[in-house]
Amino acid sequence: KSNPGAIISSVASVPAGSAIHYLSGSVASPLDPAKPEDLGDTRQQTLSILTKMKAQLEALGLGMGDVVKMNVFLVGVPENGGRMDAPAMNEVFKTFFGTAEQPNTPTRSTVQVAALGRPYVLVEIEAIAAKAP
């Protein structure tokens, strides 16, 4: 991390011979399976996605600290004047990255998009993880 206190890294290097894993864009699971349209707000959707990502990585023998690059796509929300709610996403992000338990931070791009693949989806996150040999 080149900027102490930053929540993302400005550069990530992957050692030669590392296994690279590309995680497809993921969206939130419904808060209640009986209500598939209820995915929650930006904060709740980010928590759902990162929790699923952590489990997906663990199934591969990896952890959140192995994520070297993320792309975050956010839809604007009315309560934020039609702008993306990046502060809510970052609030959850900081509980998975740059913590005492998991100090690593990935490089990341965060962009606002007009819409995502399904109605009610406000957040989609894709990632690249690498594990040195």
N, C-alpha and C. Protein backbone atom coordinates (compact mmCIF):
# COMPACT_ATOMS: atom_id res chain seq x y z
N LYS A 1 0.86 -1.18 0.00
CA LYS A 1 0.00 0.00 0.00
C LYS A 1 0.89 1.23 0.00
N SER A 2 0.72 2.10 -0.96
CA SER A 2 1.61 3.24 -1.05
C SER A 2 1.13 4.43 -0.23
N ASN A 3 -0.11 4.46 0.17
CA ASN A 3 -0.65 5.57 0.94
C ASN A 3 -1.21 5.05 2.26
N PRO A 4 -0.45 5.18 3.37
CA PRO A 4 -0.93 4.68 4.66
C PRO A 4 -2.31 5.25 4.97
N GLY A 5 -3.20 4.40 5.43
CA GLY A 5 -4.55 4.83 5.75
C GLY A 5 -5.52 4.71 4.59
N ALA A 6 -5.02 4.50 3.38
CA ALA A 6 -5.91 4.33 2.22
C ALA A 6 -6.63 2.99 2.33
N ILE A 7 -7.86 2.94 1.85
CA ILE A 7 -8.61 1.69 1.95
C ILE A 7 -8.36 0.76 0.76
N ILE A 8 -7.67 1.26 -0.26
CA ILE A 8 -7.30 0.41 -1.39
C ILE A 8 -5.82 0.61 -1.70
N SER A 9 -5.23 -0.35 -2.37
CA SER A 9 -3.84 -0.24 -2.79
C SER A 9 -3.78 0.43 -4.15
N SER A 10 -2.70 1.15 -4.40
CA SER A 10 -2.55 1.78 -5.71
C SER A 10 -1.83 0.85 -6.69
N VAL A 11 -1.18 -0.20 -6.18
CA VAL A 11 -0.51 -1.16 -7.03
C VAL A 11 -0.48 -2.51 -6.32
N ALA A 12 -0.57 -3.58 -7.10
CA ALA A 12 -0.43 -4.93 -6.56
C ALA A 12 0.46 -5.71 -7.50
N SER A 13 1.44 -6.39 -6.93
CA SER A 13 2.34 -7.21 -7.73
C SER A 13 2.07 -8.67 -7.43
N VAL A 14 2.07 -9.49 -8.47
CA VAL A 14 1.82 -10.92 -8.32
C VAL A 14 3.09 -11.66 -8.70
N PRO A 15 3.65 -12.44 -7.77
CA PRO A 15 4.88 -13.17 -8.06
C PRO A 15 4.71 -14.16 -9.21
N ALA A 16 5.79 -14.35 -9.98
CA ALA A 16 5.77 -15.33 -11.07
C ALA A 16 5.39 -16.69 -10.52
N GLY A 17 4.60 -17.42 -11.29
CA GLY A 17 4.19 -18.76 -10.90
C GLY A 17 2.96 -18.79 -10.01
N SER A 18 2.41 -17.64 -9.67
CA SER A 18 1.22 -17.59 -8.82
C SER A 18 0.01 -18.15 -9.58
N ALA A 19 -0.88 -18.76 -8.84
CA ALA A 19 -2.16 -19.19 -9.40
C ALA A 19 -3.07 -17.97 -9.40
N ILE A 20 -3.68 -17.68 -10.54
CA ILE A 20 -4.57 -16.52 -10.68
C ILE A 20 -6.00 -17.04 -10.79
N HIS A 21 -6.91 -16.44 -10.02
CA HIS A 21 -8.32 -16.84 -10.02
C HIS A 21 -9.16 -15.61 -10.36
N TYR A 22 -10.01 -15.73 -11.36
CA TYR A 22 -10.90 -14.64 -11.77
C TYR A 22 -12.30 -14.95 -11.25
N LEU A 23 -12.81 -14.09 -10.40
CA LEU A 23 -14.15 -14.26 -9.87
C LEU A 23 -15.12 -13.38 -10.66
N SER A 24 -16.08 -14.03 -11.25
CA SER A 24 -17.07 -13.34 -12.06
C SER A 24 -17.86 -12.36 -11.20
N GLY A 25 -18.45 -11.38 -11.86
CA GLY A 25 -19.27 -10.41 -11.14
C GLY A 25 -20.36 -11.11 -10.35
N SER A 26 -20.53 -10.69 -9.11
CA SER A 26 -21.52 -11.29 -8.23
C SER A 26 -22.46 -10.21 -7.73
N VAL A 27 -23.71 -10.60 -7.53
CA VAL A 27 -24.71 -9.69 -6.98
C VAL A 27 -25.27 -10.28 -5.69
N ALA A 28 -26.01 -9.48 -4.96
CA ALA A 28 -26.54 -9.88 -3.65
C ALA A 28 -27.59 -10.97 -3.75
N SER A 29 -27.68 -11.74 -2.68
CA SER A 29 -28.76 -12.69 -2.50
C SER A 29 -29.91 -11.95 -1.82
N PRO A 30 -31.14 -12.40 -2.04
CA PRO A 30 -32.28 -11.74 -1.37
C PRO A 30 -32.15 -11.80 0.15
N LEU A 31 -32.59 -10.74 0.82
CA LEU A 31 -32.58 -10.72 2.28
C LEU A 31 -33.49 -11.81 2.82
N ASP A 32 -34.60 -12.06 2.12
CA ASP A 32 -35.56 -13.10 2.47
C ASP A 32 -35.82 -13.89 1.19
N PRO A 33 -35.48 -15.19 1.18
CA PRO A 33 -35.67 -15.99 -0.04
C PRO A 33 -37.10 -15.96 -0.59
N ALA A 34 -38.07 -15.68 0.27
CA ALA A 34 -39.47 -15.62 -0.17
C ALA A 34 -39.77 -14.32 -0.92
N LYS A 35 -38.85 -13.35 -0.85
CA LYS A 35 -39.02 -12.07 -1.52
C LYS A 35 -37.79 -11.81 -2.40
N PRO A 36 -37.71 -12.45 -3.57
CA PRO A 36 -36.51 -12.35 -4.41
C PRO A 36 -36.16 -10.94 -4.87
N GLU A 37 -37.13 -10.03 -4.83
CA GLU A 37 -36.85 -8.66 -5.26
C GLU A 37 -36.24 -7.81 -4.14
N ASP A 38 -36.23 -8.32 -2.91
CA ASP A 38 -35.72 -7.55 -1.77
C ASP A 38 -34.25 -7.87 -1.53
N LEU A 39 -33.39 -7.08 -2.17
CA LEU A 39 -31.95 -7.28 -2.04
C LEU A 39 -31.32 -6.30 -1.04
N GLY A 40 -32.12 -5.37 -0.56
CA GLY A 40 -31.62 -4.40 0.40
C GLY A 40 -30.97 -3.21 -0.29
N ASP A 41 -30.37 -2.35 0.53
CA ASP A 41 -29.73 -1.14 0.03
C ASP A 41 -28.28 -1.44 -0.37
N THR A 42 -27.55 -0.42 -0.75
CA THR A 42 -26.16 -0.59 -1.18
C THR A 42 -25.33 -1.28 -0.09
N ARG A 43 -25.50 -0.88 1.15
CA ARG A 43 -24.76 -1.47 2.27
C ARG A 43 -25.07 -2.96 2.39
N GLN A 44 -26.34 -3.31 2.42
CA GLN A 44 -26.75 -4.71 2.58
C GLN A 44 -26.30 -5.56 1.38
N GLN A 45 -26.40 -5.00 0.18
CA GLN A 45 -25.99 -5.75 -1.00
C GLN A 45 -24.48 -5.99 -0.99
N THR A 46 -23.70 -4.98 -0.61
CA THR A 46 -22.25 -5.14 -0.54
C THR A 46 -21.88 -6.23 0.46
N LEU A 47 -22.52 -6.23 1.63
CA LEU A 47 -22.25 -7.24 2.65
C LEU A 47 -22.57 -8.63 2.10
N SER A 48 -23.68 -8.78 1.43
CA SER A 48 -24.06 -10.08 0.86
C SER A 48 -23.01 -10.56 -0.15
N ILE A 49 -22.60 -9.67 -1.03
CA ILE A 49 -21.64 -10.04 -2.08
C ILE A 49 -20.28 -10.40 -1.47
N LEU A 50 -19.75 -9.58 -0.58
CA LEU A 50 -18.43 -9.85 -0.03
C LEU A 50 -18.43 -11.09 0.87
N THR A 51 -19.55 -11.36 1.52
CA THR A 51 -19.67 -12.59 2.32
C THR A 51 -19.64 -13.81 1.41
N LYS A 52 -20.37 -13.73 0.28
CA LYS A 52 -20.34 -14.84 -0.69
C LYS A 52 -18.95 -14.98 -1.31
N MET A 53 -18.30 -13.86 -1.62
CA MET A 53 -16.96 -13.90 -2.21
C MET A 53 -15.98 -14.56 -1.25
N LYS A 54 -16.07 -14.22 0.03
CA LYS A 54 -15.17 -14.81 1.03
C LYS A 54 -15.35 -16.33 1.05
N ALA A 55 -16.58 -16.80 1.04
CA ALA A 55 -16.85 -18.25 1.04
C ALA A 55 -16.35 -18.90 -0.25
N GLN A 56 -16.53 -18.23 -1.38
CA GLN A 56 -16.06 -18.75 -2.66
C GLN A 56 -14.54 -18.89 -2.64
N LEU A 57 -13.84 -17.89 -2.13
CA LEU A 57 -12.39 -17.92 -2.04
C LEU A 57 -11.93 -19.03 -1.09
N GLU A 58 -12.60 -19.15 0.05
CA GLU A 58 -12.23 -20.19 1.02
C GLU A 58 -12.38 -21.58 0.43
N ALA A 59 -13.39 -21.78 -0.42
CA ALA A 59 -13.59 -23.08 -1.09
C ALA A 59 -12.42 -23.39 -2.03
N LEU A 60 -11.71 -22.35 -2.47
CA LEU A 60 -10.55 -22.51 -3.35
C LEU A 60 -9.24 -22.55 -2.55
N GLY A 61 -9.34 -22.50 -1.22
CA GLY A 61 -8.15 -22.47 -0.38
C GLY A 61 -7.52 -21.09 -0.30
N LEU A 62 -8.30 -20.06 -0.58
CA LEU A 62 -7.84 -18.67 -0.58
C LEU A 62 -8.60 -17.87 0.46
N GLY A 63 -8.18 -16.63 0.63
CA GLY A 63 -8.88 -15.73 1.54
C GLY A 63 -9.02 -14.36 0.91
N MET A 64 -9.70 -13.46 1.58
CA MET A 64 -9.89 -12.11 1.07
C MET A 64 -8.55 -11.40 0.89
N GLY A 65 -7.53 -11.77 1.66
CA GLY A 65 -6.22 -11.18 1.53
C GLY A 65 -5.51 -11.54 0.23
N ASP A 66 -6.03 -12.53 -0.48
CA ASP A 66 -5.46 -12.93 -1.77
C ASP A 66 -6.05 -12.15 -2.94
N VAL A 67 -7.06 -11.31 -2.68
CA VAL A 67 -7.66 -10.50 -3.75
C VAL A 67 -6.69 -9.38 -4.10
N VAL A 68 -6.33 -9.29 -5.38
CA VAL A 68 -5.39 -8.26 -5.82
C VAL A 68 -6.07 -7.15 -6.63
N LYS A 69 -7.25 -7.43 -7.18
CA LYS A 69 -7.95 -6.44 -8.01
C LYS A 69 -9.45 -6.65 -7.89
N MET A 70 -10.18 -5.55 -7.72
CA MET A 70 -11.64 -5.59 -7.70
C MET A 70 -12.18 -4.51 -8.60
N ASN A 71 -13.30 -4.83 -9.22
CA ASN A 71 -14.09 -3.84 -9.94
C ASN A 71 -15.46 -3.82 -9.28
N VAL A 72 -15.88 -2.63 -8.86
CA VAL A 72 -17.16 -2.46 -8.18
C VAL A 72 -18.04 -1.58 -9.06
N PHE A 73 -19.24 -2.08 -9.33
CA PHE A 73 -20.21 -1.35 -10.15
C PHE A 73 -21.39 -1.00 -9.26
N LEU A 74 -21.71 0.29 -9.17
CA LEU A 74 -22.80 0.76 -8.32
C LEU A 74 -23.83 1.52 -9.14
N VAL A 75 -25.10 1.29 -8.83
CA VAL A 75 -26.21 2.03 -9.44
C VAL A 75 -26.54 3.19 -8.51
N GLY A 76 -26.85 4.33 -9.06
CA GLY A 76 -27.26 5.49 -8.26
C GLY A 76 -28.56 5.20 -7.52
N VAL A 77 -28.72 5.85 -6.37
CA VAL A 77 -29.91 5.63 -5.55
C VAL A 77 -30.61 6.96 -5.28
N PRO A 78 -31.94 6.94 -5.25
CA PRO A 78 -32.70 8.19 -5.04
C PRO A 78 -32.31 8.93 -3.77
N GLU A 79 -32.06 8.19 -2.67
CA GLU A 79 -31.72 8.85 -1.40
C GLU A 79 -30.37 9.54 -1.43
N ASN A 80 -29.61 9.34 -2.50
CA ASN A 80 -28.32 10.00 -2.65
C ASN A 80 -28.35 10.90 -3.90
N GLY A 81 -29.53 11.38 -4.23
CA GLY A 81 -29.68 12.29 -5.36
C GLY A 81 -29.35 11.65 -6.71
N GLY A 82 -29.54 10.34 -6.80
CA GLY A 82 -29.26 9.64 -8.05
C GLY A 82 -27.80 9.25 -8.22
N ARG A 83 -26.98 9.57 -7.23
CA ARG A 83 -25.56 9.21 -7.27
C ARG A 83 -25.36 7.87 -6.54
N MET A 84 -24.25 7.21 -6.89
CA MET A 84 -23.93 5.96 -6.22
C MET A 84 -23.65 6.22 -4.74
N ASP A 85 -23.94 5.21 -3.92
CA ASP A 85 -23.70 5.34 -2.48
C ASP A 85 -22.36 4.67 -2.14
N ALA A 86 -21.28 5.28 -2.65
CA ALA A 86 -19.93 4.75 -2.41
C ALA A 86 -19.59 4.72 -0.92
N PRO A 87 -19.99 5.71 -0.11
CA PRO A 87 -19.67 5.63 1.32
C PRO A 87 -20.25 4.37 1.99
N ALA A 88 -21.47 3.99 1.63
CA ALA A 88 -22.06 2.78 2.21
C ALA A 88 -21.29 1.54 1.77
N MET A 89 -20.91 1.48 0.50
CA MET A 89 -20.13 0.34 0.00
C MET A 89 -18.78 0.30 0.71
N ASN A 90 -18.11 1.45 0.85
CA ASN A 90 -16.80 1.50 1.50
C ASN A 90 -16.88 1.11 2.97
N GLU A 91 -17.96 1.47 3.63
CA GLU A 91 -18.14 1.13 5.04
C GLU A 91 -18.08 -0.39 5.22
N VAL A 92 -18.74 -1.13 4.35
CA VAL A 92 -18.72 -2.59 4.42
C VAL A 92 -17.37 -3.12 3.93
N PHE A 93 -16.86 -2.56 2.85
CA PHE A 93 -15.57 -2.98 2.28
C PHE A 93 -14.48 -2.98 3.35
N LYS A 94 -14.47 -1.93 4.19
CA LYS A 94 -13.44 -1.77 5.22
C LYS A 94 -13.54 -2.82 6.32
N THR A 95 -14.63 -3.59 6.37
CA THR A 95 -14.73 -4.67 7.36
C THR A 95 -14.13 -5.97 6.82
N PHE A 96 -13.82 -6.02 5.52
CA PHE A 96 -13.23 -7.20 4.89
C PHE A 96 -11.76 -6.99 4.51
N PHE A 97 -11.34 -5.74 4.32
CA PHE A 97 -10.00 -5.42 3.85
C PHE A 97 -9.37 -4.36 4.75
N GLY A 98 -8.06 -4.51 5.00
CA GLY A 98 -7.34 -3.51 5.79
C GLY A 98 -7.69 -3.55 7.26
N THR A 99 -8.10 -4.73 7.74
CA THR A 99 -8.44 -4.88 9.16
C THR A 99 -7.27 -5.51 9.90
N ALA A 100 -7.34 -5.56 11.22
CA ALA A 100 -6.29 -6.21 12.01
C ALA A 100 -6.21 -7.69 11.63
N GLU A 101 -7.36 -8.32 11.41
CA GLU A 101 -7.40 -9.75 11.07
C GLU A 101 -6.96 -10.00 9.62
N GLN A 102 -7.24 -9.07 8.74
CA GLN A 102 -6.94 -9.22 7.31
C GLN A 102 -6.44 -7.88 6.80
N PRO A 103 -5.13 -7.61 6.95
CA PRO A 103 -4.59 -6.29 6.65
C PRO A 103 -4.42 -5.94 5.17
N ASN A 104 -4.50 -6.93 4.29
CA ASN A 104 -4.28 -6.65 2.86
C ASN A 104 -5.43 -5.85 2.26
N THR A 105 -5.08 -5.01 1.29
CA THR A 105 -6.08 -4.26 0.53
C THR A 105 -5.81 -4.48 -0.96
N PRO A 106 -6.87 -4.67 -1.75
CA PRO A 106 -6.67 -4.85 -3.19
C PRO A 106 -6.62 -3.51 -3.92
N THR A 107 -6.19 -3.56 -5.17
CA THR A 107 -6.42 -2.42 -6.05
C THR A 107 -7.90 -2.48 -6.40
N ARG A 108 -8.48 -1.34 -6.75
CA ARG A 108 -9.92 -1.34 -7.00
C ARG A 108 -10.33 -0.18 -7.86
N SER A 109 -11.31 -0.43 -8.71
CA SER A 109 -12.00 0.64 -9.44
C SER A 109 -13.46 0.58 -9.01
N THR A 110 -14.06 1.75 -8.80
CA THR A 110 -15.47 1.83 -8.43
C THR A 110 -16.12 2.80 -9.39
N VAL A 111 -17.16 2.34 -10.09
CA VAL A 111 -17.82 3.19 -11.07
C VAL A 111 -19.33 3.14 -10.89
N GLN A 112 -19.97 4.24 -11.24
CA GLN A 112 -21.43 4.26 -11.26
C GLN A 112 -21.89 3.85 -12.65
N VAL A 113 -22.89 2.97 -12.68
CA VAL A 113 -23.47 2.51 -13.94
C VAL A 113 -24.97 2.85 -13.94
N ALA A 114 -25.54 2.91 -15.13
CA ALA A 114 -26.96 3.25 -15.24
C ALA A 114 -27.85 2.15 -14.68
N ALA A 115 -27.46 0.91 -14.90
CA ALA A 115 -28.25 -0.23 -14.43
C ALA A 115 -27.37 -1.47 -14.46
N LEU A 116 -27.81 -2.48 -13.73
CA LEU A 116 -27.14 -3.78 -13.76
C LEU A 116 -28.12 -4.82 -14.30
N GLY A 117 -27.72 -6.07 -14.34
CA GLY A 117 -28.46 -7.11 -15.05
C GLY A 117 -29.89 -7.38 -14.64
N ARG A 118 -30.24 -7.10 -13.39
CA ARG A 118 -31.60 -7.36 -12.91
C ARG A 118 -32.12 -6.15 -12.16
N PRO A 119 -33.43 -5.98 -12.15
CA PRO A 119 -34.00 -4.89 -11.33
C PRO A 119 -33.62 -5.09 -9.87
N TYR A 120 -33.53 -4.02 -9.13
CA TYR A 120 -33.23 -4.01 -7.69
C TYR A 120 -31.75 -4.26 -7.37
N VAL A 121 -30.95 -4.62 -8.38
CA VAL A 121 -29.52 -4.83 -8.14
C VAL A 121 -28.82 -3.48 -8.17
N LEU A 122 -28.21 -3.11 -7.04
CA LEU A 122 -27.50 -1.83 -6.91
C LEU A 122 -26.00 -1.99 -6.94
N VAL A 123 -25.52 -3.24 -6.71
CA VAL A 123 -24.09 -3.49 -6.58
C VAL A 123 -23.71 -4.77 -7.32
N GLU A 124 -22.61 -4.73 -8.05
CA GLU A 124 -22.00 -5.93 -8.61
C GLU A 124 -20.49 -5.79 -8.42
N ILE A 125 -19.87 -6.88 -7.95
CA ILE A 125 -18.43 -6.85 -7.69
C ILE A 125 -17.77 -8.06 -8.33
N GLU A 126 -16.68 -7.80 -9.05
CA GLU A 126 -15.86 -8.88 -9.60
C GLU A 126 -14.46 -8.73 -9.03
N ALA A 127 -13.72 -9.83 -9.02
CA ALA A 127 -12.39 -9.78 -8.39
C ALA A 127 -11.40 -10.72 -9.06
N ILE A 128 -10.14 -10.42 -8.84
CA ILE A 128 -9.04 -11.28 -9.25
C ILE A 128 -8.23 -11.57 -7.99
N ALA A 129 -8.00 -12.86 -7.73
CA ALA A 129 -7.20 -13.27 -6.57
C ALA A 129 -5.97 -14.01 -7.08
N ALA A 130 -4.89 -13.92 -6.33
CA ALA A 130 -3.65 -14.60 -6.71
C ALA A 130 -3.03 -15.24 -5.48
N LYS A 131 -2.49 -16.44 -5.69
CA LYS A 131 -1.82 -17.17 -4.60
C LYS A 131 -0.44 -17.57 -5.07
N ALA A 132 0.57 -17.11 -4.35
CA ALA A 132 1.95 -17.44 -4.71
C ALA A 132 2.19 -18.93 -4.50
N PRO A 133 3.08 -19.52 -5.28
CA PRO A 133 3.36 -20.96 -5.16
C PRO A 133 4.00 -21.31 -3.81
